[in-house]
Amino acid sequence: MNRTRLRSAAVLVLLPALALTACGSGTTPGTPAGAQASPAPTDDPVAAVRTVDSVAALLPADVRESGTLRIGSSVGFPPGAYYPDGPGKAPAGQDIDIADAVAKVLGVKLDRQDASFETILPALGSGKYDVGTGNFGVTTQRLKTVDFVTYINDGQGFAVKKGSTTLKKKVTDLTELCGLTIGTGAGTTFETTLAAQKGVCAKAGKKPYEVKVYSENGATLTALQQGRIDVIMSTINGLRYQAAQPAARTTFLGEYHRLDVGFAFRKGSPLTKAFRAAVNELIKDGTYARILAKWGTGASAIDASRINPPEHR
């Protein structure tokens, strides 16, 4: 994915495309004047997290010695990860809190490096990052080259411009999109799904749908509001969060396909067992639930973290 990820905190950039690249300053290209940054909740469930020695012991010796992990982080939209105070300031969001909490359980510091969504997974293989975050959905294709440690269940959904009569109900079959123009993010599970199913309309005797891919969230939303696309396909949590913001003027059409979301690692990474144990420790002590409550994503909670679960069908 999920997705997305744009580095802007404007309310109108609440749509997570899982492919975030550009950097903004309070508003993004195409954001109407007057749109303000979405403030971050003030509670801090991560503050009380302490190192758990038995979990930290699962880290490789060289990591324990260095005390630092390099994390490639795609930052751009709430509730996952965004800049409430603008680029150059501290990021906030569900993914930020969970990663920070995991690091505290493991007794390590995170060297967080901003990166565009589509560059992170390849960079894991080259050794540039030890771990990646960006609402990465666990898919069969990605499991061939990347290891995952899950921390939430999100997935794919659709949104339209508020008041639109093009689609009035939840999308359950892509043939319902035939003849429409769909906007989504580059390098995402959404783009992959739409490309893989591009023949469904012809088989149904209908006009094909068209897909327009954007590297910036702001551009995708602007295209929707200006009528250049009819519908956006992106993450469930991001679309739901976006629709709750009056300035966004969008309507969430519900879930299409659920996906586990996880920390990403190079194939065969020795870090996965430690990360899984850390996430499970946070679930057990209640920190995990408090983080999700803070960001309004409790419906996406998991009971236990897993390494490389199969893709949801």
C-alpha atoms as a PDB file:
ATOM      1  CA  MET A   1       0.000   0.000   0.000  1.00  0.00           C
ATOM      2  CA  ASN A   2      -2.244   0.198   1.940  1.00  0.00           C
ATOM      3  CA  ARG A   3       0.069   3.482   0.745  1.00  0.00           C
ATOM      4  CA  THR A   4       0.298   5.516   0.376  1.00  0.00           C
ATOM      5  CA  ARG A   5       2.610   9.682   1.012  1.00  0.00           C
ATOM      6  CA  LEU A   6       3.812  14.760  -0.183  1.00  0.00           C
ATOM      7  CA  ARG A   7       4.976  16.019   2.837  1.00  0.00           C
ATOM      8  CA  SER A   8       2.323  18.498   3.732  1.00  0.00           C
ATOM      9  CA  ALA A   9       0.001  18.883   6.638  1.00  0.00           C
ATOM     10  CA  ALA A  10      -2.871  20.633   4.914  1.00  0.00           C
ATOM     11  CA  VAL A  11      -6.326  19.386   5.787  1.00  0.00           C
ATOM     12  CA  LEU A  12      -6.999  18.731   2.139  1.00  0.00           C
ATOM     13  CA  VAL A  13      -4.051  16.379   1.998  1.00  0.00           C
ATOM     14  CA  LEU A  14      -5.601  13.874   4.351  1.00  0.00           C
ATOM     15  CA  LEU A  15      -6.014  11.346   1.583  1.00  0.00           C
ATOM     16  CA  PRO A  16      -3.268   8.742   1.873  1.00  0.00           C
ATOM     17  CA  ALA A  17      -2.084   7.574  -1.496  1.00  0.00           C
ATOM     18  CA  LEU A  18       0.666   5.399  -0.081  1.00  0.00           C
ATOM     19  CA  ALA A  19       2.974   7.042  -2.529  1.00  0.00           C
ATOM     20  CA  LEU A  20       4.070  10.296  -1.017  1.00  0.00           C
ATOM     21  CA  THR A  21       6.882  12.318  -2.427  1.00  0.00           C
ATOM     22  CA  ALA A  22       6.638  16.089  -2.695  1.00  0.00           C
ATOM     23  CA  CYS A  23       7.316  18.535   0.089  1.00  0.00           C
ATOM     24  CA  GLY A  24       4.972  21.384   0.975  1.00  0.00           C
ATOM     25  CA  SER A  25       4.734  24.088   3.578  1.00  0.00           C
ATOM     26  CA  GLY A  26       1.372  24.214   5.276  1.00  0.00           C
ATOM     27  CA  THR A  27      -0.567  23.657   2.079  1.00  0.00           C
ATOM     28  CA  THR A  28       0.092  21.545  -0.965  1.00  0.00           C
ATOM     29  CA  PRO A  29      -0.164  22.397  -4.647  1.00  0.00           C
ATOM     30  CA  GLY A  30      -3.817  22.766  -5.449  1.00  0.00           C
ATOM     31  CA  THR A  31      -4.898  23.211  -1.846  1.00  0.00           C
ATOM     32  CA  PRO A  32      -7.395  26.072  -1.531  1.00  0.00           C
ATOM     33  CA  ALA A  33      -6.217  29.098   0.358  1.00  0.00           C
ATOM     34  CA  GLY A  34      -7.160  29.030   4.007  1.00  0.00           C
ATOM     35  CA  ALA A  35      -6.808  25.259   4.487  1.00  0.00           C
ATOM     36  CA  GLN A  36      -4.986  24.778   7.770  1.00  0.00           C
ATOM     37  CA  ALA A  37      -2.722  22.048   9.073  1.00  0.00           C
ATOM     38  CA  SER A  38      -4.501  19.327  11.002  1.00  0.00           C
ATOM     39  CA  PRO A  39      -3.230  19.572  14.603  1.00  0.00           C
ATOM     40  CA  ALA A  40      -1.886  16.455  16.274  1.00  0.00           C
ATOM     41  CA  PRO A  41      -3.589  15.056  19.405  1.00  0.00           C
ATOM     42  CA  THR A  42      -1.718  16.114  22.521  1.00  0.00           C
ATOM     43  CA  ASP A  43      -1.768  12.851  24.510  1.00  0.00           C
ATOM     44  CA  ASP A  44       1.448  10.819  24.462  1.00  0.00           C
ATOM     45  CA  PRO A  45       0.965   7.096  25.151  1.00  0.00           C
ATOM     46  CA  VAL A  46       4.557   6.441  24.075  1.00  0.00           C
ATOM     47  CA  ALA A  47       6.054   8.442  26.934  1.00  0.00           C
ATOM     48  CA  ALA A  48       5.573   5.691  29.505  1.00  0.00           C
ATOM     49  CA  VAL A  49       7.078   2.893  27.381  1.00  0.00           C
ATOM     50  CA  ARG A  50      10.241   1.335  28.805  1.00  0.00           C
ATOM     51  CA  THR A  51      12.839  -1.092  27.496  1.00  0.00           C
ATOM     52  CA  VAL A  52      11.939  -4.767  27.928  1.00  0.00           C
ATOM     53  CA  ASP A  53      15.239  -6.586  28.304  1.00  0.00           C
ATOM     54  CA  SER A  54      13.924  -9.992  27.175  1.00  0.00           C
ATOM     55  CA  VAL A  55      12.664  -8.440  23.931  1.00  0.00           C
ATOM     56  CA  ALA A  56      15.737  -6.288  23.368  1.00  0.00           C
ATOM     57  CA  ALA A  57      17.849  -9.449  23.689  1.00  0.00           C
ATOM     58  CA  LEU A  58      16.326 -10.673  20.425  1.00  0.00           C
ATOM     59  CA  LEU A  59      18.161  -7.959  18.493  1.00  0.00           C
ATOM     60  CA  PRO A  60      21.422  -8.873  16.753  1.00  0.00           C
ATOM     61  CA  ALA A  61      24.498  -8.079  18.814  1.00  0.00           C
ATOM     62  CA  ASP A  62      25.715  -5.385  16.430  1.00  0.00           C
ATOM     63  CA  VAL A  63      22.406  -3.518  16.701  1.00  0.00           C
ATOM     64  CA  ARG A  64      22.433  -3.730  20.491  1.00  0.00           C
ATOM     65  CA  GLU A  65      25.971  -2.375  20.433  1.00  0.00           C
ATOM     66  CA  SER A  66      25.232   0.525  18.062  1.00  0.00           C
ATOM     67  CA  GLY A  67      21.899   1.287  19.705  1.00  0.00           C
ATOM     68  CA  THR A  68      20.507   2.750  16.489  1.00  0.00           C
ATOM     69  CA  LEU A  69      18.299   1.596  13.619  1.00  0.00           C
ATOM     70  CA  ARG A  70      17.937   3.441  10.327  1.00  0.00           C
ATOM     71  CA  ILE A  71      14.292   3.752   9.370  1.00  0.00           C
ATOM     72  CA  GLY A  72      13.088   4.878   5.953  1.00  0.00           C
ATOM     73  CA  SER A  73       9.836   6.677   6.670  1.00  0.00           C
ATOM     74  CA  SER A  74       7.236   7.861   4.195  1.00  0.00           C
ATOM     75  CA  VAL A  75       5.571  10.839   5.864  1.00  0.00           C
ATOM     76  CA  GLY A  76       2.668  12.784   4.492  1.00  0.00           C
ATOM     77  CA  PHE A  77      -0.900  12.181   5.700  1.00  0.00           C
ATOM     78  CA  PRO A  78      -2.846  11.640   8.893  1.00  0.00           C
ATOM     79  CA  PRO A  79      -3.637   9.446  10.655  1.00  0.00           C
ATOM     80  CA  GLY A  80      -0.579   7.433   9.579  1.00  0.00           C
ATOM     81  CA  ALA A  81       2.255   9.957   9.421  1.00  0.00           C
ATOM     82  CA  TYR A  82       2.329  13.646   8.609  1.00  0.00           C
ATOM     83  CA  TYR A  83       3.784  17.013   9.588  1.00  0.00           C
ATOM     84  CA  PRO A  84       1.261  18.852  11.770  1.00  0.00           C
ATOM     85  CA  ASP A  85       3.623  21.822  12.105  1.00  0.00           C
ATOM     86  CA  GLY A  86       5.016  21.724   8.576  1.00  0.00           C
ATOM     87  CA  PRO A  87       8.085  20.111   6.967  1.00  0.00           C
ATOM     88  CA  GLY A  88      11.249  20.335   9.012  1.00  0.00           C
ATOM     89  CA  LYS A  89       9.316  19.898  12.232  1.00  0.00           C
ATOM     90  CA  ALA A  90       8.628  16.661  14.095  1.00  0.00           C
ATOM     91  CA  PRO A  91       6.301  14.223  12.320  1.00  0.00           C
ATOM     92  CA  ALA A  92       3.264  12.762  14.056  1.00  0.00           C
ATOM     93  CA  GLY A  93       0.778   9.982  13.460  1.00  0.00           C
ATOM     94  CA  GLN A  94      -0.097   6.400  14.230  1.00  0.00           C
ATOM     95  CA  ASP A  95       2.925   4.963  12.375  1.00  0.00           C
ATOM     96  CA  ILE A  96       5.284   7.404  14.085  1.00  0.00           C
ATOM     97  CA  ASP A  97       3.961   6.506  17.549  1.00  0.00           C
ATOM     98  CA  ILE A  98       4.078   2.761  16.949  1.00  0.00           C
ATOM     99  CA  ALA A  99       7.621   2.892  15.562  1.00  0.00           C
ATOM    100  CA  ASP A 100       8.793   5.073  18.454  1.00  0.00           C
ATOM    101  CA  ALA A 101       7.145   2.758  20.985  1.00  0.00           C
ATOM    102  CA  VAL A 102       8.743  -0.323  19.414  1.00  0.00           C
ATOM    103  CA  ALA A 103      12.147   1.382  19.525  1.00  0.00           C
ATOM    104  CA  LYS A 104      11.701   2.137  23.237  1.00  0.00           C
ATOM    105  CA  VAL A 105      10.790  -1.494  23.985  1.00  0.00           C
ATOM    106  CA  LEU A 106      13.923  -2.549  22.092  1.00  0.00           C
ATOM    107  CA  GLY A 107      16.095   0.050  23.799  1.00  0.00           C
ATOM    108  CA  VAL A 108      17.297   1.622  20.561  1.00  0.00           C
ATOM    109  CA  LYS A 109      17.123   5.020  18.878  1.00  0.00           C
ATOM    110  CA  LEU A 110      15.594   5.515  15.450  1.00  0.00           C
ATOM    111  CA  ASP A 111      17.518   7.393  12.803  1.00  0.00           C
ATOM    112  CA  ARG A 112      14.406   8.427  10.857  1.00  0.00           C
ATOM    113  CA  GLN A 113      15.056   9.356   7.245  1.00  0.00           C
ATOM    114  CA  ASP A 114      12.242  10.756   5.113  1.00  0.00           C
ATOM    115  CA  ALA A 115      11.777   8.946   1.837  1.00  0.00           C
ATOM    116  CA  SER A 116       9.176   8.726  -0.893  1.00  0.00           C
ATOM    117  CA  PHE A 117       7.016   5.629  -0.668  1.00  0.00           C
ATOM    118  CA  GLU A 118       8.131   3.969  -3.871  1.00  0.00           C
ATOM    119  CA  THR A 119      11.847   4.182  -2.984  1.00  0.00           C
ATOM    120  CA  ILE A 120      11.774   2.552   0.447  1.00  0.00           C
ATOM    121  CA  LEU A 121      11.309  -1.140  -0.356  1.00  0.00           C
ATOM    122  CA  PRO A 122      14.119  -1.239  -2.964  1.00  0.00           C
ATOM    123  CA  ALA A 123      16.382   0.642  -0.535  1.00  0.00           C
ATOM    124  CA  LEU A 124      15.899  -2.067   2.106  1.00  0.00           C
ATOM    125  CA  GLY A 125      17.525  -4.580  -0.182  1.00  0.00           C
ATOM    126  CA  SER A 126      20.495  -2.298  -0.800  1.00  0.00           C
ATOM    127  CA  GLY A 127      21.027  -1.820   2.929  1.00  0.00           C
ATOM    128  CA  LYS A 128      20.235   1.895   2.995  1.00  0.00           C
ATOM    129  CA  TYR A 129      17.601   1.340   5.697  1.00  0.00           C
ATOM    130  CA  ASP A 130      17.207  -1.341   8.364  1.00  0.00           C
ATOM    131  CA  VAL A 131      13.418  -0.987   8.399  1.00  0.00           C
ATOM    132  CA  GLY A 132      10.789   0.884   6.430  1.00  0.00           C
ATOM    133  CA  THR A 133       7.394   2.355   7.280  1.00  0.00           C
ATOM    134  CA  GLY A 134       4.774   3.903   5.041  1.00  0.00           C
ATOM    135  CA  ASN A 135       1.541   1.946   5.473  1.00  0.00           C
ATOM    136  CA  PHE A 136       3.032  -0.909   3.472  1.00  0.00           C
ATOM    137  CA  GLY A 137       0.391  -3.524   2.778  1.00  0.00           C
ATOM    138  CA  VAL A 138       1.398  -7.180   2.879  1.00  0.00           C
ATOM    139  CA  THR A 139       0.889  -8.665  -0.581  1.00  0.00           C
ATOM    140  CA  THR A 140       1.942 -11.917  -2.209  1.00  0.00           C
ATOM    141  CA  GLN A 141       4.129 -10.039  -4.676  1.00  0.00           C
ATOM    142  CA  ARG A 142       5.922  -8.004  -2.020  1.00  0.00           C
ATOM    143  CA  LEU A 143       6.550 -11.087   0.126  1.00  0.00           C
ATOM    144  CA  LYS A 144       8.824 -12.388  -2.619  1.00  0.00           C
ATOM    145  CA  THR A 145      11.388  -9.682  -1.896  1.00  0.00           C
ATOM    146  CA  VAL A 146      10.506  -8.138   1.490  1.00  0.00           C
ATOM    147  CA  ASP A 147       9.830  -9.407   5.022  1.00  0.00           C
ATOM    148  CA  PHE A 148       7.026  -7.879   7.074  1.00  0.00           C
ATOM    149  CA  VAL A 149       6.167  -7.600  10.752  1.00  0.00           C
ATOM    150  CA  THR A 150       2.523  -6.607  11.021  1.00  0.00           C
ATOM    151  CA  TYR A 151       1.167  -3.909  13.332  1.00  0.00           C
ATOM    152  CA  ILE A 152      -2.249  -2.963  11.925  1.00  0.00           C
ATOM    153  CA  ASN A 153      -4.948  -4.112   9.527  1.00  0.00           C
ATOM    154  CA  ASP A 154      -5.861  -1.465   6.946  1.00  0.00           C
ATOM    155  CA  GLY A 155      -6.501  -1.918   3.242  1.00  0.00           C
ATOM    156  CA  GLN A 156      -8.089  -0.467   0.131  1.00  0.00           C
ATOM    157  CA  GLY A 157     -11.094   1.790  -0.224  1.00  0.00           C
ATOM    158  CA  PHE A 158     -12.657   4.489  -2.399  1.00  0.00           C
ATOM    159  CA  ALA A 159     -13.758   8.095  -1.985  1.00  0.00           C
ATOM    160  CA  VAL A 160     -15.626  10.582  -4.145  1.00  0.00           C
ATOM    161  CA  LYS A 161     -16.207  14.307  -4.055  1.00  0.00           C
ATOM    162  CA  LYS A 162     -18.865  15.221  -1.517  1.00  0.00           C
ATOM    163  CA  GLY A 163     -22.245  15.449  -3.228  1.00  0.00           C
ATOM    164  CA  SER A 164     -21.162  13.338  -6.198  1.00  0.00           C
ATOM    165  CA  THR A 165     -23.819  11.084  -7.684  1.00  0.00           C
ATOM    166  CA  THR A 166     -21.328   9.056  -9.732  1.00  0.00           C
ATOM    167  CA  LEU A 167     -21.036   6.385  -7.031  1.00  0.00           C
ATOM    168  CA  LYS A 168     -23.567   6.321  -4.222  1.00  0.00           C
ATOM    169  CA  LYS A 169     -22.636   3.138  -2.378  1.00  0.00           C
ATOM    170  CA  LYS A 170     -19.748   0.948  -1.329  1.00  0.00           C
ATOM    171  CA  VAL A 171     -17.687  -0.416  -4.215  1.00  0.00           C
ATOM    172  CA  THR A 172     -17.669  -4.209  -4.020  1.00  0.00           C
ATOM    173  CA  ASP A 173     -16.664  -5.018  -7.600  1.00  0.00           C
ATOM    174  CA  LEU A 174     -14.354  -3.113  -9.946  1.00  0.00           C
ATOM    175  CA  THR A 175     -16.922  -3.373 -12.727  1.00  0.00           C
ATOM    176  CA  GLU A 176     -18.802  -0.689 -10.812  1.00  0.00           C
ATOM    177  CA  LEU A 177     -15.984   1.657 -11.859  1.00  0.00           C
ATOM    178  CA  CYS A 178     -16.292   0.957 -15.587  1.00  0.00           C
ATOM    179  CA  GLY A 179     -16.313   4.164 -17.609  1.00  0.00           C
ATOM    180  CA  LEU A 180     -14.914   6.209 -14.708  1.00  0.00           C
ATOM    181  CA  THR A 181     -11.524   7.816 -14.159  1.00  0.00           C
ATOM    182  CA  ILE A 182      -9.754   6.665 -10.992  1.00  0.00           C
ATOM    183  CA  GLY A 183      -6.957   8.548  -9.272  1.00  0.00           C
ATOM    184  CA  THR A 184      -4.386   6.722  -7.153  1.00  0.00           C
ATOM    185  CA  GLY A 185      -0.753   6.771  -6.038  1.00  0.00           C
ATOM    186  CA  ALA A 186       2.337   5.593  -7.884  1.00  0.00           C
ATOM    187  CA  GLY A 187       3.853   2.288  -6.799  1.00  0.00           C
ATOM    188  CA  THR A 188       0.931   1.371  -4.551  1.00  0.00           C
ATOM    189  CA  THR A 189      -1.181  -1.732  -4.108  1.00  0.00           C
ATOM    190  CA  PHE A 190      -4.023   0.336  -5.550  1.00  0.00           C
ATOM    191  CA  GLU A 191      -2.211   0.911  -8.821  1.00  0.00           C
ATOM    192  CA  THR A 192      -1.299  -2.782  -8.929  1.00  0.00           C
ATOM    193  CA  THR A 193      -4.893  -3.904  -8.284  1.00  0.00           C
ATOM    194  CA  LEU A 194      -6.342  -1.602 -10.925  1.00  0.00           C
ATOM    195  CA  ALA A 195      -3.750  -2.645 -13.512  1.00  0.00           C
ATOM    196  CA  ALA A 196      -4.225  -6.348 -12.811  1.00  0.00           C
ATOM    197  CA  GLN A 197      -7.995  -6.083 -13.209  1.00  0.00           C
ATOM    198  CA  LYS A 198      -8.035  -3.733 -16.194  1.00  0.00           C
ATOM    199  CA  GLY A 199      -9.809  -6.295 -18.371  1.00  0.00           C
ATOM    200  CA  VAL A 200     -12.864  -6.768 -16.134  1.00  0.00           C
ATOM    201  CA  CYS A 201     -14.899  -4.084 -17.874  1.00  0.00           C
ATOM    202  CA  ALA A 202     -14.343  -5.490 -21.368  1.00  0.00           C
ATOM    203  CA  LYS A 203     -15.376  -8.926 -20.122  1.00  0.00           C
ATOM    204  CA  ALA A 204     -18.552  -7.368 -18.733  1.00  0.00           C
ATOM    205  CA  GLY A 205     -19.224  -5.580 -22.029  1.00  0.00           C
ATOM    206  CA  LYS A 206     -18.625  -2.161 -20.474  1.00  0.00           C
ATOM    207  CA  LYS A 207     -16.381   0.804 -21.197  1.00  0.00           C
ATOM    208  CA  PRO A 208     -12.978   0.389 -19.466  1.00  0.00           C
ATOM    209  CA  TYR A 209     -12.050   2.519 -16.497  1.00  0.00           C
ATOM    210  CA  GLU A 210      -9.111   4.898 -16.800  1.00  0.00           C
ATOM    211  CA  VAL A 211      -6.409   5.175 -14.162  1.00  0.00           C
ATOM    212  CA  LYS A 212      -4.481   8.362 -13.450  1.00  0.00           C
ATOM    213  CA  VAL A 213      -1.461   8.018 -11.176  1.00  0.00           C
ATOM    214  CA  TYR A 214      -0.214  10.838  -8.969  1.00  0.00           C
ATOM    215  CA  SER A 215       2.937  11.149  -6.889  1.00  0.00           C
ATOM    216  CA  GLU A 216       1.445  13.847  -4.670  1.00  0.00           C
ATOM    217  CA  ASN A 217      -1.598  13.525  -2.484  1.00  0.00           C
ATOM    218  CA  GLY A 218      -2.507  17.154  -2.995  1.00  0.00           C
ATOM    219  CA  ALA A 219      -2.554  16.661  -6.750  1.00  0.00           C
ATOM    220  CA  THR A 220      -4.863  13.661  -6.431  1.00  0.00           C
ATOM    221  CA  LEU A 221      -7.347  15.510  -4.276  1.00  0.00           C
ATOM    222  CA  THR A 222      -7.224  18.604  -6.455  1.00  0.00           C
ATOM    223  CA  ALA A 223      -7.947  16.438  -9.494  1.00  0.00           C
ATOM    224  CA  LEU A 224     -10.996  15.026  -7.718  1.00  0.00           C
ATOM    225  CA  GLN A 225     -12.344  18.434  -6.726  1.00  0.00           C
ATOM    226  CA  GLN A 226     -11.776  19.805 -10.236  1.00  0.00           C
ATOM    227  CA  GLY A 227     -13.526  16.881 -11.881  1.00  0.00           C
ATOM    228  CA  ARG A 228     -10.496  15.464 -13.677  1.00  0.00           C
ATOM    229  CA  ILE A 229     -11.015  12.160 -11.867  1.00  0.00           C
ATOM    230  CA  ASP A 230     -14.244  10.650 -10.580  1.00  0.00           C
ATOM    231  CA  VAL A 231     -13.017   8.605  -7.643  1.00  0.00           C
ATOM    232  CA  ILE A 232      -9.894   8.050  -5.542  1.00  0.00           C
ATOM    233  CA  MET A 233      -8.606   4.655  -4.479  1.00  0.00           C
ATOM    234  CA  SER A 234      -6.435   4.701  -1.348  1.00  0.00           C
ATOM    235  CA  THR A 235      -6.174   3.423   2.234  1.00  0.00           C
ATOM    236  CA  ILE A 236      -9.241   2.755   4.359  1.00  0.00           C
ATOM    237  CA  ASN A 237      -8.034   4.630   7.432  1.00  0.00           C
ATOM    238  CA  GLY A 238      -6.776   7.618   5.491  1.00  0.00           C
ATOM    239  CA  LEU A 239      -9.924   7.995   3.416  1.00  0.00           C
ATOM    240  CA  ARG A 240     -12.104   7.675   6.502  1.00  0.00           C
ATOM    241  CA  TYR A 241     -10.002  10.262   8.345  1.00  0.00           C
ATOM    242  CA  GLN A 242     -10.070  12.585   5.356  1.00  0.00           C
ATOM    243  CA  ALA A 243     -13.845  12.406   4.961  1.00  0.00           C
ATOM    244  CA  ALA A 244     -14.244  13.460   8.593  1.00  0.00           C
ATOM    245  CA  GLN A 245     -12.526  16.775   7.829  1.00  0.00           C
ATOM    246  CA  PRO A 246     -15.108  19.279   6.474  1.00  0.00           C
ATOM    247  CA  ALA A 247     -12.545  21.141   4.362  1.00  0.00           C
ATOM    248  CA  ALA A 248     -11.706  17.997   2.383  1.00  0.00           C
ATOM    249  CA  ARG A 249     -15.240  17.743   0.915  1.00  0.00           C
ATOM    250  CA  THR A 250     -15.022  14.014   0.248  1.00  0.00           C
ATOM    251  CA  THR A 251     -17.236  11.013   0.971  1.00  0.00           C
ATOM    252  CA  PHE A 252     -15.750   7.668   1.978  1.00  0.00           C
ATOM    253  CA  LEU A 253     -17.355   4.779   0.115  1.00  0.00           C
ATOM    254  CA  GLY A 254     -16.274   2.014   2.449  1.00  0.00           C
ATOM    255  CA  GLU A 255     -13.810  -0.846   2.417  1.00  0.00           C
ATOM    256  CA  TYR A 256     -12.960  -2.753  -0.729  1.00  0.00           C
ATOM    257  CA  HIS A 257     -10.141  -5.087   0.320  1.00  0.00           C
ATOM    258  CA  ARG A 258      -8.420  -5.502   3.695  1.00  0.00           C
ATOM    259  CA  LEU A 259      -4.634  -5.820   3.951  1.00  0.00           C
ATOM    260  CA  ASP A 260      -2.288  -6.361   6.861  1.00  0.00           C
ATOM    261  CA  VAL A 261       0.173  -3.485   7.187  1.00  0.00           C
ATOM    262  CA  GLY A 262       3.633  -3.902   8.609  1.00  0.00           C
ATOM    263  CA  PHE A 263       7.179  -2.785   9.167  1.00  0.00           C
ATOM    264  CA  ALA A 264       9.181  -3.737   6.080  1.00  0.00           C
ATOM    265  CA  PHE A 265      12.621  -5.369   6.092  1.00  0.00           C
ATOM    266  CA  ARG A 266      15.013  -6.823   3.573  1.00  0.00           C
ATOM    267  CA  LYS A 267      14.396 -10.508   2.938  1.00  0.00           C
ATOM    268  CA  GLY A 268      15.962 -12.600   5.676  1.00  0.00           C
ATOM    269  CA  SER A 269      16.486  -9.684   8.060  1.00  0.00           C
ATOM    270  CA  PRO A 270      17.481 -10.757  11.602  1.00  0.00           C
ATOM    271  CA  LEU A 271      15.342  -7.925  13.022  1.00  0.00           C
ATOM    272  CA  THR A 272      11.898  -9.408  12.413  1.00  0.00           C
ATOM    273  CA  LYS A 273      11.620 -11.548  15.558  1.00  0.00           C
ATOM    274  CA  ALA A 274      12.582  -8.646  17.795  1.00  0.00           C
ATOM    275  CA  PHE A 275      10.082  -6.316  16.131  1.00  0.00           C
ATOM    276  CA  ARG A 276       7.300  -8.885  16.347  1.00  0.00           C
ATOM    277  CA  ALA A 277       7.994  -9.398  20.053  1.00  0.00           C
ATOM    278  CA  ALA A 278       8.056  -5.636  20.626  1.00  0.00           C
ATOM    279  CA  VAL A 279       4.703  -5.074  18.908  1.00  0.00           C
ATOM    280  CA  ASN A 280       3.199  -7.938  20.901  1.00  0.00           C
ATOM    281  CA  GLU A 281       4.584  -6.422  24.110  1.00  0.00           C
ATOM    282  CA  LEU A 282       2.830  -3.138  23.267  1.00  0.00           C
ATOM    283  CA  ILE A 283      -0.406  -5.011  22.584  1.00  0.00           C
ATOM    284  CA  LYS A 284      -0.105  -6.852  25.905  1.00  0.00           C
ATOM    285  CA  ASP A 285       0.591  -3.790  28.046  1.00  0.00           C
ATOM    286  CA  GLY A 286      -2.141  -1.662  26.472  1.00  0.00           C
ATOM    287  CA  THR A 287       0.110   0.927  24.794  1.00  0.00           C
ATOM    288  CA  TYR A 288      -0.936  -0.266  21.349  1.00  0.00           C
ATOM    289  CA  ALA A 289      -4.641   0.252  22.074  1.00  0.00           C
ATOM    290  CA  ARG A 290      -3.927   3.718  23.464  1.00  0.00           C
ATOM    291  CA  ILE A 291      -1.997   4.708  20.339  1.00  0.00           C
ATOM    292  CA  LEU A 292      -4.822   3.567  18.058  1.00  0.00           C
ATOM    293  CA  ALA A 293      -7.392   5.334  20.236  1.00  0.00           C
ATOM    294  CA  LYS A 294      -5.354   8.525  19.941  1.00  0.00           C
ATOM    295  CA  TRP A 295      -5.521   8.383  16.146  1.00  0.00           C
ATOM    296  CA  GLY A 296      -9.026   6.972  15.795  1.00  0.00           C
ATOM    297  CA  THR A 297      -7.901   3.730  14.163  1.00  0.00           C
ATOM    298  CA  GLY A 298      -9.050   1.220  16.772  1.00  0.00           C
ATOM    299  CA  ALA A 299     -11.163  -0.640  14.201  1.00  0.00           C
ATOM    300  CA  SER A 300      -7.900  -1.677  12.519  1.00  0.00           C
ATOM    301  CA  ALA A 301      -6.324  -3.237  15.606  1.00  0.00           C
ATOM    302  CA  ILE A 302      -4.710  -6.666  15.390  1.00  0.00           C
ATOM    303  CA  ASP A 303      -4.656  -9.273  18.163  1.00  0.00           C
ATOM    304  CA  ALA A 304      -1.041 -10.264  17.599  1.00  0.00           C
ATOM    305  CA  SER A 305       1.819  -9.293  15.310  1.00  0.00           C
ATOM    306  CA  ARG A 306       2.919 -11.812  12.705  1.00  0.00           C
ATOM    307  CA  ILE A 307       5.889 -12.244  10.426  1.00  0.00           C
ATOM    308  CA  ASN A 308       5.015 -12.578   6.736  1.00  0.00           C
ATOM    309  CA  PRO A 309       1.328 -13.552   6.968  1.00  0.00           C
ATOM    310  CA  PRO A 310      -0.296 -14.464   3.635  1.00  0.00           C
ATOM    311  CA  GLU A 311      -2.153 -11.739   1.790  1.00  0.00           C
ATOM    312  CA  HIS A 312      -5.840 -11.445   2.648  1.00  0.00           C
ATOM    313  CA  ARG A 313      -8.117 -12.932   0.027  1.00  0.00           C
END
